[in-house]
C-alpha atoms as a PDB file:
ATOM      1  CA  MET A   1      -0.058  -0.020  -0.006  1.00  0.00           C
ATOM      2  CA  ASP A   2       1.230   3.577  -1.232  1.00  0.00           C
ATOM      3  CA  THR A   3      -0.281   6.476   0.260  1.00  0.00           C
ATOM      4  CA  THR A   4       2.015   9.002  -0.818  1.00  0.00           C
ATOM      5  CA  ASN A   5      -0.270  10.493  -3.621  1.00  0.00           C
ATOM      6  CA  LEU A   6      -3.431   9.575  -1.802  1.00  0.00           C
ATOM      7  CA  PHE A   7      -4.763  12.914  -1.757  1.00  0.00           C
ATOM      8  CA  ARG A   8      -3.063  14.466  -4.973  1.00  0.00           C
ATOM      9  CA  LEU A   9      -5.178  15.657  -7.913  1.00  0.00           C
ATOM     10  CA  ASP A  10      -2.538  15.713 -10.338  1.00  0.00           C
ATOM     11  CA  GLY A  11      -4.084  15.856 -13.988  1.00  0.00           C
ATOM     12  CA  ARG A  12      -7.412  15.968 -13.265  1.00  0.00           C
ATOM     13  CA  THR A  13     -10.013  18.625 -14.268  1.00  0.00           C
ATOM     14  CA  ALA A  14     -12.589  20.052 -11.903  1.00  0.00           C
ATOM     15  CA  LEU A  15     -15.485  22.449 -11.844  1.00  0.00           C
ATOM     16  CA  VAL A  16     -16.657  24.490  -8.907  1.00  0.00           C
ATOM     17  CA  THR A  17     -19.853  26.696  -9.267  1.00  0.00           C
ATOM     18  CA  GLY A  18     -20.339  29.575  -6.880  1.00  0.00           C
ATOM     19  CA  GLY A  19     -16.261  29.324  -7.288  1.00  0.00           C
ATOM     20  CA  SER A  20     -15.669  32.782  -7.094  1.00  0.00           C
ATOM     21  CA  ARG A  21     -16.141  33.387  -3.301  1.00  0.00           C
ATOM     22  CA  GLY A  22     -17.075  31.665   0.183  1.00  0.00           C
ATOM     23  CA  ILE A  23     -16.935  28.051   0.451  1.00  0.00           C
ATOM     24  CA  GLY A  24     -16.487  27.266  -3.314  1.00  0.00           C
ATOM     25  CA  LYS A  25     -13.073  29.676  -3.656  1.00  0.00           C
ATOM     26  CA  MET A  26     -11.872  27.708  -0.815  1.00  0.00           C
ATOM     27  CA  ILE A  27     -12.680  24.454  -2.156  1.00  0.00           C
ATOM     28  CA  ALA A  28     -11.311  25.529  -5.415  1.00  0.00           C
ATOM     29  CA  ALA A  29      -7.934  26.704  -3.975  1.00  0.00           C
ATOM     30  CA  GLY A  30      -7.422  23.439  -2.318  1.00  0.00           C
ATOM     31  CA  PHE A  31      -8.059  21.406  -5.572  1.00  0.00           C
ATOM     32  CA  ILE A  32      -5.514  23.753  -7.169  1.00  0.00           C
ATOM     33  CA  ALA A  33      -3.077  23.103  -4.378  1.00  0.00           C
ATOM     34  CA  GLN A  34      -3.189  19.246  -5.085  1.00  0.00           C
ATOM     35  CA  GLY A  35      -2.677  19.633  -8.841  1.00  0.00           C
ATOM     36  CA  ALA A  36      -6.132  20.295 -10.083  1.00  0.00           C
ATOM     37  CA  THR A  37      -6.765  22.267 -13.118  1.00  0.00           C
ATOM     38  CA  VAL A  38     -10.051  24.229 -11.812  1.00  0.00           C
ATOM     39  CA  TYR A  39     -12.683  26.165 -13.685  1.00  0.00           C
ATOM     40  CA  ILE A  40     -14.856  28.226 -11.775  1.00  0.00           C
ATOM     41  CA  SER A  41     -18.357  29.497 -12.339  1.00  0.00           C
ATOM     42  CA  SER A  42     -20.344  32.329 -10.773  1.00  0.00           C
ATOM     43  CA  ARG A  43     -23.110  34.776 -12.084  1.00  0.00           C
ATOM     44  CA  LYS A  44     -21.160  37.997 -11.788  1.00  0.00           C
ATOM     45  CA  ALA A  45     -18.325  37.530 -14.597  1.00  0.00           C
ATOM     46  CA  ALA A  46     -16.100  40.339 -13.081  1.00  0.00           C
ATOM     47  CA  VAL A  47     -15.733  38.857  -9.794  1.00  0.00           C
ATOM     48  CA  CYS A  48     -15.231  35.490 -11.493  1.00  0.00           C
ATOM     49  CA  GLU A  49     -12.550  36.806 -13.507  1.00  0.00           C
ATOM     50  CA  GLU A  50     -11.035  38.345 -10.550  1.00  0.00           C
ATOM     51  CA  THR A  51     -10.898  35.437  -8.308  1.00  0.00           C
ATOM     52  CA  ALA A  52      -9.458  33.156 -11.455  1.00  0.00           C
ATOM     53  CA  VAL A  53      -6.398  35.503 -11.658  1.00  0.00           C
ATOM     54  CA  GLU A  54      -5.874  35.645  -7.851  1.00  0.00           C
ATOM     55  CA  LEU A  55      -5.895  31.509  -7.924  1.00  0.00           C
ATOM     56  CA  GLY A  56      -3.530  31.291 -10.756  1.00  0.00           C
ATOM     57  CA  PRO A  57      -3.051  29.882 -14.134  1.00  0.00           C
ATOM     58  CA  ASN A  58      -4.412  26.469 -13.188  1.00  0.00           C
ATOM     59  CA  CYS A  59      -7.918  28.384 -12.675  1.00  0.00           C
ATOM     60  CA  ILE A  60     -10.107  29.329 -15.307  1.00  0.00           C
ATOM     61  CA  ALA A  61     -13.075  31.520 -15.045  1.00  0.00           C
ATOM     62  CA  LEU A  62     -16.584  30.434 -17.017  1.00  0.00           C
ATOM     63  CA  PRO A  63     -19.234  32.791 -15.693  1.00  0.00           C
ATOM     64  CA  GLN A  64     -22.882  31.488 -15.717  1.00  0.00           C
ATOM     65  CA  ASP A  65     -26.197  31.681 -14.188  1.00  0.00           C
ATOM     66  CA  VAL A  66     -26.975  27.960 -13.410  1.00  0.00           C
ATOM     67  CA  SER A  67     -30.041  29.013 -11.738  1.00  0.00           C
ATOM     68  CA  VAL A  68     -32.017  27.972 -14.880  1.00  0.00           C
ATOM     69  CA  VAL A  69     -31.722  24.721 -17.107  1.00  0.00           C
ATOM     70  CA  SER A  70     -30.557  27.122 -19.862  1.00  0.00           C
ATOM     71  CA  GLY A  71     -27.669  28.525 -17.865  1.00  0.00           C
ATOM     72  CA  CYS A  72     -26.493  24.771 -16.833  1.00  0.00           C
ATOM     73  CA  LYS A  73     -26.597  23.596 -20.491  1.00  0.00           C
ATOM     74  CA  ASP A  74     -24.500  26.756 -21.590  1.00  0.00           C
ATOM     75  CA  LEU A  75     -22.056  26.369 -18.668  1.00  0.00           C
ATOM     76  CA  ALA A  76     -21.638  22.781 -20.059  1.00  0.00           C
ATOM     77  CA  ALA A  77     -20.728  24.173 -23.669  1.00  0.00           C
ATOM     78  CA  GLN A  78     -18.568  26.624 -22.005  1.00  0.00           C
ATOM     79  CA  LEU A  79     -16.584  23.834 -20.504  1.00  0.00           C
ATOM     80  CA  ALA A  80     -16.880  21.729 -23.963  1.00  0.00           C
ATOM     81  CA  GLU A  81     -14.728  24.640 -25.657  1.00  0.00           C
ATOM     82  CA  HIS A  82     -11.663  23.934 -23.232  1.00  0.00           C
ATOM     83  CA  THR A  83     -12.097  19.906 -22.285  1.00  0.00           C
ATOM     84  CA  ASP A  84     -14.260  16.875 -23.462  1.00  0.00           C
ATOM     85  CA  ARG A  85     -13.643  15.475 -19.918  1.00  0.00           C
ATOM     86  CA  LEU A  86     -14.474  16.424 -16.439  1.00  0.00           C
ATOM     87  CA  ASP A  87     -13.275  14.433 -13.316  1.00  0.00           C
ATOM     88  CA  ILE A  88     -14.709  16.526 -10.544  1.00  0.00           C
ATOM     89  CA  LEU A  89     -17.995  18.471 -10.416  1.00  0.00           C
ATOM     90  CA  VAL A  90     -18.606  20.558  -7.037  1.00  0.00           C
ATOM     91  CA  ASN A  91     -22.487  22.015  -6.989  1.00  0.00           C
ATOM     92  CA  ASN A  92     -21.740  24.639  -4.646  1.00  0.00           C
ATOM     93  CA  ALA A  93     -23.885  27.746  -5.940  1.00  0.00           C
ATOM     94  CA  GLY A  94     -26.424  28.584  -3.387  1.00  0.00           C
ATOM     95  CA  ALA A  95     -28.691  31.361  -2.069  1.00  0.00           C
ATOM     96  CA  ALA A  96     -30.645  31.813   1.082  1.00  0.00           C
ATOM     97  CA  TRP A  97     -33.760  33.960   1.887  1.00  0.00           C
ATOM     98  CA  GLY A  98     -35.209  34.540   5.326  1.00  0.00           C
ATOM     99  CA  ALA A  99     -38.816  36.109   5.891  1.00  0.00           C
ATOM    100  CA  GLU A 100     -41.450  35.688   8.431  1.00  0.00           C
ATOM    101  CA  PHE A 101     -43.895  32.842   7.682  1.00  0.00           C
ATOM    102  CA  GLU A 102     -46.782  34.955   7.045  1.00  0.00           C
ATOM    103  CA  GLU A 103     -44.899  37.019   4.491  1.00  0.00           C
ATOM    104  CA  PHE A 104     -42.699  34.496   3.208  1.00  0.00           C
ATOM    105  CA  PRO A 105     -42.709  35.371  -0.798  1.00  0.00           C
ATOM    106  CA  GLU A 106     -42.732  33.501  -3.720  1.00  0.00           C
ATOM    107  CA  SER A 107     -40.049  34.823  -5.175  1.00  0.00           C
ATOM    108  CA  GLY A 108     -37.945  33.573  -2.246  1.00  0.00           C
ATOM    109  CA  TRP A 109     -38.889  30.207  -2.521  1.00  0.00           C
ATOM    110  CA  ASP A 110     -38.352  29.731  -6.072  1.00  0.00           C
ATOM    111  CA  LYS A 111     -34.910  31.735  -6.124  1.00  0.00           C
ATOM    112  CA  VAL A 112     -33.714  29.305  -3.559  1.00  0.00           C
ATOM    113  CA  MET A 113     -35.215  26.068  -4.674  1.00  0.00           C
ATOM    114  CA  ASN A 114     -34.232  26.921  -8.288  1.00  0.00           C
ATOM    115  CA  LEU A 115     -30.466  27.353  -7.452  1.00  0.00           C
ATOM    116  CA  ASN A 116     -30.196  25.367  -4.147  1.00  0.00           C
ATOM    117  CA  LEU A 117     -31.943  22.002  -5.387  1.00  0.00           C
ATOM    118  CA  LYS A 118     -32.743  22.580  -9.425  1.00  0.00           C
ATOM    119  CA  SER A 119     -29.411  23.537 -10.624  1.00  0.00           C
ATOM    120  CA  PRO A 120     -27.289  20.541  -8.986  1.00  0.00           C
ATOM    121  CA  PHE A 121     -29.605  17.763 -10.633  1.00  0.00           C
ATOM    122  CA  PHE A 122     -29.893  19.881 -14.070  1.00  0.00           C
ATOM    123  CA  LEU A 123     -25.900  20.780 -14.096  1.00  0.00           C
ATOM    124  CA  THR A 124     -24.939  17.387 -13.541  1.00  0.00           C
ATOM    125  CA  GLN A 125     -27.088  16.113 -16.215  1.00  0.00           C
ATOM    126  CA  ALA A 126     -25.856  18.341 -18.482  1.00  0.00           C
ATOM    127  CA  LEU A 127     -22.239  17.427 -17.871  1.00  0.00           C
ATOM    128  CA  TYR A 128     -23.089  13.788 -17.755  1.00  0.00           C
ATOM    129  CA  GLU A 129     -21.157  13.000 -20.880  1.00  0.00           C
ATOM    130  CA  PRO A 130     -17.868  14.565 -19.734  1.00  0.00           C
ATOM    131  CA  LEU A 131     -18.173  12.958 -16.425  1.00  0.00           C
ATOM    132  CA  LYS A 132     -18.664   9.556 -17.856  1.00  0.00           C
ATOM    133  CA  ALA A 133     -15.631  10.010 -20.411  1.00  0.00           C
ATOM    134  CA  ALA A 134     -13.426  10.389 -17.463  1.00  0.00           C
ATOM    135  CA  ALA A 135     -14.738   7.750 -15.332  1.00  0.00           C
ATOM    136  CA  GLN A 136     -13.025   4.290 -14.838  1.00  0.00           C
ATOM    137  CA  PRO A 137     -13.987   1.830 -12.360  1.00  0.00           C
ATOM    138  CA  ASP A 138     -10.640   2.083 -10.588  1.00  0.00           C
ATOM    139  CA  ARG A 139     -10.625   5.939 -10.556  1.00  0.00           C
ATOM    140  CA  PRO A 140     -14.128   7.443 -10.634  1.00  0.00           C
ATOM    141  CA  SER A 141     -15.434  10.915 -11.522  1.00  0.00           C
ATOM    142  CA  LYS A 142     -16.724  12.665  -8.597  1.00  0.00           C
ATOM    143  CA  VAL A 143     -19.943  14.813  -8.210  1.00  0.00           C
ATOM    144  CA  ILE A 144     -19.857  16.865  -4.585  1.00  0.00           C
ATOM    145  CA  ASN A 145     -23.098  18.503  -3.604  1.00  0.00           C
ATOM    146  CA  ILE A 146     -22.381  21.301  -1.239  1.00  0.00           C
ATOM    147  CA  THR A 147     -25.675  20.612   1.281  1.00  0.00           C
ATOM    148  CA  SER A 148     -25.663  22.120   4.451  1.00  0.00           C
ATOM    149  CA  ILE A 149     -26.324  21.266   8.580  1.00  0.00           C
ATOM    150  CA  ASP A 150     -29.811  23.307   8.097  1.00  0.00           C
ATOM    151  CA  GLY A 151     -30.766  20.442   5.913  1.00  0.00           C
ATOM    152  CA  MET A 152     -30.436  18.085   8.998  1.00  0.00           C
ATOM    153  CA  ARG A 153     -31.579  20.206  12.006  1.00  0.00           C
ATOM    154  CA  LEU A 154     -33.258  23.727  12.435  1.00  0.00           C
ATOM    155  CA  ASN A 155     -31.733  26.994  13.182  1.00  0.00           C
ATOM    156  CA  ALA A 156     -33.136  29.863  14.585  1.00  0.00           C
ATOM    157  CA  ASN A 157     -34.194  31.517  11.341  1.00  0.00           C
ATOM    158  CA  GLU A 158     -37.096  31.296   9.070  1.00  0.00           C
ATOM    159  CA  THR A 159     -35.284  30.257   6.243  1.00  0.00           C
ATOM    160  CA  TYR A 160     -38.210  27.823   4.775  1.00  0.00           C
ATOM    161  CA  SER A 161     -36.834  27.100   1.367  1.00  0.00           C
ATOM    162  CA  TYR A 162     -33.158  27.196   2.278  1.00  0.00           C
ATOM    163  CA  HIS A 163     -33.855  24.532   5.009  1.00  0.00           C
ATOM    164  CA  ALA A 164     -36.112  22.629   2.504  1.00  0.00           C
ATOM    165  CA  SER A 165     -33.849  22.845  -0.489  1.00  0.00           C
ATOM    166  CA  LYS A 166     -30.703  21.394   1.818  1.00  0.00           C
ATOM    167  CA  SER A 167     -32.626  18.587   2.853  1.00  0.00           C
ATOM    168  CA  GLY A 168     -33.877  17.732  -0.099  1.00  0.00           C
ATOM    169  CA  LEU A 169     -30.308  18.077  -1.765  1.00  0.00           C
ATOM    170  CA  ILE A 170     -28.948  15.282   0.706  1.00  0.00           C
ATOM    171  CA  TYR A 171     -31.469  12.928  -0.303  1.00  0.00           C
ATOM    172  CA  LEU A 172     -31.162  13.982  -4.137  1.00  0.00           C
ATOM    173  CA  THR A 173     -27.548  13.097  -3.713  1.00  0.00           C
ATOM    174  CA  LYS A 174     -28.406   9.508  -2.583  1.00  0.00           C
ATOM    175  CA  ARG A 175     -30.588   8.980  -5.654  1.00  0.00           C
ATOM    176  CA  MET A 176     -28.189  10.420  -8.130  1.00  0.00           C
ATOM    177  CA  ALA A 177     -25.374   8.257  -6.179  1.00  0.00           C
ATOM    178  CA  ALA A 178     -27.743   5.034  -6.724  1.00  0.00           C
ATOM    179  CA  ARG A 179     -28.130   5.744 -10.657  1.00  0.00           C
ATOM    180  CA  LEU A 180     -24.646   7.376 -11.662  1.00  0.00           C
ATOM    181  CA  ILE A 181     -22.520   4.812 -10.088  1.00  0.00           C
ATOM    182  CA  GLN A 182     -23.495   2.441 -12.759  1.00  0.00           C
ATOM    183  CA  ASP A 183     -20.974   5.027 -14.807  1.00  0.00           C
ATOM    184  CA  SER A 184     -18.289   5.100 -12.268  1.00  0.00           C
ATOM    185  CA  ILE A 185     -19.626   8.542 -11.217  1.00  0.00           C
ATOM    186  CA  ASN A 186     -19.451   8.901  -7.338  1.00  0.00           C
ATOM    187  CA  VAL A 187     -22.149  11.263  -5.755  1.00  0.00           C
ATOM    188  CA  THR A 188     -21.453  12.375  -2.723  1.00  0.00           C
ATOM    189  CA  SER A 189     -22.151  15.565  -0.371  1.00  0.00           C
ATOM    190  CA  ILE A 190     -20.528  17.897   2.271  1.00  0.00           C
ATOM    191  CA  ALA A 191     -22.832  19.436   4.748  1.00  0.00           C
ATOM    192  CA  PRO A 192     -20.822  22.421   5.786  1.00  0.00           C
ATOM    193  CA  GLY A 193     -21.714  24.208   9.440  1.00  0.00           C
ATOM    194  CA  ALA A 194     -20.415  27.645  10.392  1.00  0.00           C
ATOM    195  CA  PHE A 195     -17.665  29.261   7.950  1.00  0.00           C
ATOM    196  CA  ALA A 196     -17.195  32.968   7.662  1.00  0.00           C
ATOM    197  CA  THR A 197     -18.908  33.548   4.249  1.00  0.00           C
ATOM    198  CA  GLU A 198     -20.978  36.323   2.507  1.00  0.00           C
ATOM    199  CA  MET A 199     -23.857  34.085   2.888  1.00  0.00           C
ATOM    200  CA  ASN A 200     -23.353  33.196   6.663  1.00  0.00           C
ATOM    201  CA  ARG A 201     -22.651  36.613   7.786  1.00  0.00           C
ATOM    202  CA  VAL A 202     -22.924  35.639  11.821  1.00  0.00           C
ATOM    203  CA  ALA A 203     -19.974  33.378  11.482  1.00  0.00           C
ATOM    204  CA  ARG A 204     -18.253  36.199   9.555  1.00  0.00           C
ATOM    205  CA  ASP A 205     -19.015  39.047  11.767  1.00  0.00           C
ATOM    206  CA  HIS A 206     -19.474  37.256  15.136  1.00  0.00           C
ATOM    207  CA  ALA A 207     -17.366  34.450  15.264  1.00  0.00           C
ATOM    208  CA  ASP A 208     -16.491  34.831  18.872  1.00  0.00           C
ATOM    209  CA  LEU A 209     -19.925  34.707  20.058  1.00  0.00           C
ATOM    210  CA  LEU A 210     -21.172  31.715  17.761  1.00  0.00           C
ATOM    211  CA  SER A 211     -17.871  29.548  18.227  1.00  0.00           C
ATOM    212  CA  LYS A 212     -19.309  29.221  22.210  1.00  0.00           C
ATOM    213  CA  ARG A 213     -21.801  27.458  21.047  1.00  0.00           C
ATOM    214  CA  ILE A 214     -20.083  24.538  18.925  1.00  0.00           C
ATOM    215  CA  PRO A 215     -18.674  22.009  20.373  1.00  0.00           C
ATOM    216  CA  ALA A 216     -15.405  22.473  18.946  1.00  0.00           C
ATOM    217  CA  LYS A 217     -15.183  25.972  20.032  1.00  0.00           C
ATOM    218  CA  ARG A 218     -14.362  27.577  16.771  1.00  0.00           C
ATOM    219  CA  ILE A 219     -15.872  28.375  13.682  1.00  0.00           C
ATOM    220  CA  GLY A 220     -15.017  26.386  10.463  1.00  0.00           C
ATOM    221  CA  VAL A 221     -11.504  27.590   8.327  1.00  0.00           C
ATOM    222  CA  GLU A 222     -10.620  27.104   4.950  1.00  0.00           C
ATOM    223  CA  GLU A 223      -8.408  24.021   5.541  1.00  0.00           C
ATOM    224  CA  ASP A 224     -11.376  22.175   7.017  1.00  0.00           C
ATOM    225  CA  ILE A 225     -13.496  22.327   4.084  1.00  0.00           C
ATOM    226  CA  ALA A 226     -11.031  22.080   1.651  1.00  0.00           C
ATOM    227  CA  GLY A 227      -9.626  19.072   3.278  1.00  0.00           C
ATOM    228  CA  THR A 228     -13.053  17.561   2.871  1.00  0.00           C
ATOM    229  CA  ALA A 229     -13.657  17.928  -0.450  1.00  0.00           C
ATOM    230  CA  ILE A 230      -9.940  17.088  -1.687  1.00  0.00           C
ATOM    231  CA  TYR A 231     -10.664  13.897   0.476  1.00  0.00           C
ATOM    232  CA  LEU A 232     -13.990  13.110  -1.572  1.00  0.00           C
ATOM    233  CA  ALA A 233     -12.468  14.066  -4.757  1.00  0.00           C
ATOM    234  CA  SER A 234      -9.050  12.228  -4.859  1.00  0.00           C
ATOM    235  CA  ARG A 235      -8.484   8.373  -4.531  1.00  0.00           C
ATOM    236  CA  ALA A 236      -8.660   8.683  -0.718  1.00  0.00           C
ATOM    237  CA  GLY A 237     -12.614   8.873  -1.543  1.00  0.00           C
ATOM    238  CA  ASP A 238     -13.098   6.653  -3.914  1.00  0.00           C
ATOM    239  CA  TYR A 239     -15.168   4.241  -1.799  1.00  0.00           C
ATOM    240  CA  VAL A 240     -17.539   6.814  -0.632  1.00  0.00           C
ATOM    241  CA  VAL A 241     -20.873   6.961  -2.377  1.00  0.00           C
ATOM    242  CA  GLY A 242     -24.267   8.516  -1.755  1.00  0.00           C
ATOM    243  CA  ASP A 243     -23.025   9.790   1.692  1.00  0.00           C
ATOM    244  CA  THR A 244     -23.029  13.069   3.387  1.00  0.00           C
ATOM    245  CA  ILE A 245     -19.978  14.234   5.389  1.00  0.00           C
ATOM    246  CA  THR A 246     -20.834  16.821   8.225  1.00  0.00           C
ATOM    247  CA  VAL A 247     -18.315  19.541   8.693  1.00  0.00           C
ATOM    248  CA  ASP A 248     -19.663  21.516  11.629  1.00  0.00           C
ATOM    249  CA  GLY A 249     -17.235  21.105  14.718  1.00  0.00           C
ATOM    250  CA  GLY A 250     -19.475  18.622  16.313  1.00  0.00           C
ATOM    251  CA  LEU A 251     -22.913  21.011  15.997  1.00  0.00           C
ATOM    252  CA  VAL A 252     -25.223  18.445  14.656  1.00  0.00           C
ATOM    253  CA  ASN A 253     -23.624  15.305  15.862  1.00  0.00           C
ATOM    254  CA  ALA A 254     -22.014  16.274  19.336  1.00  0.00           C
ATOM    255  CA  SER A 255     -24.386  19.111  20.706  1.00  0.00           C
ATOM    256  CA  LEU A 256     -26.113  18.764  23.892  1.00  0.00           C
ATOM    257  CA  GLY A 257     -29.268  20.358  22.339  1.00  0.00           C
ATOM    258  CA  LEU A 258     -28.083  24.130  22.600  1.00  0.00           C
ATOM    259  CA  GLY A 259     -29.708  26.024  18.880  1.00  0.00           C
ATOM    260  CA  THR A 260     -27.218  27.895  17.033  1.00  0.00           C
ATOM    261  CA  PRO A 261     -28.352  30.947  15.057  1.00  0.00           C
ATOM    262  CA  GLU A 262     -27.063  31.624  11.641  1.00  0.00           C
END
């Protein structure tokens, strides 16, 4: 047994949606550090291009709005201009919406459900051929869905569509895994807890306060999420199929029941 290169991604190609900032950017940087060529996509073209420049020559920007099926197909067409094989797809692009029950709008429901739940399915479908082209039984392609601990337990905020979308994506991960394993494509998910991002402003702006309610006594850092994604994307994670790995400092599985507002 040789574990020297167990977590390396040399020669592999990855696409990370929502890769211009936050958790997506952390994952993209981690993949690049392990030798991968990474395409990042986000809706804002300028920000996407800036991040690609920041992450270096092995990062290529493919700006696109994947909240609609046509955008998913367009992104697949953009990628096809560069490569016909895709080893790793990270469905990370997401949105949240909070409003009181009596006032929760249809627009807030549709925006979140379309990007968080509909997009991962239809983008994976659009990229099925390049994922299949790269896949081998002894080196499967990988689809990693970024879910959330809010798909596993409640928080204090009235984020109805966010909770529903992330819970649905955890189960969709299992269903997609059951089908795509037939083509040597492994589907898994990562459920992050508190990381300092634009979406999780409580973790970003009140890390010290929030850390007191997390069993590990801190919020997540870049290495925590990047390391988990590298594990699943690399040879190290080849035998993990359909599962969701919780990366939250113990909030879901080692908490005594103290709620954590986000």
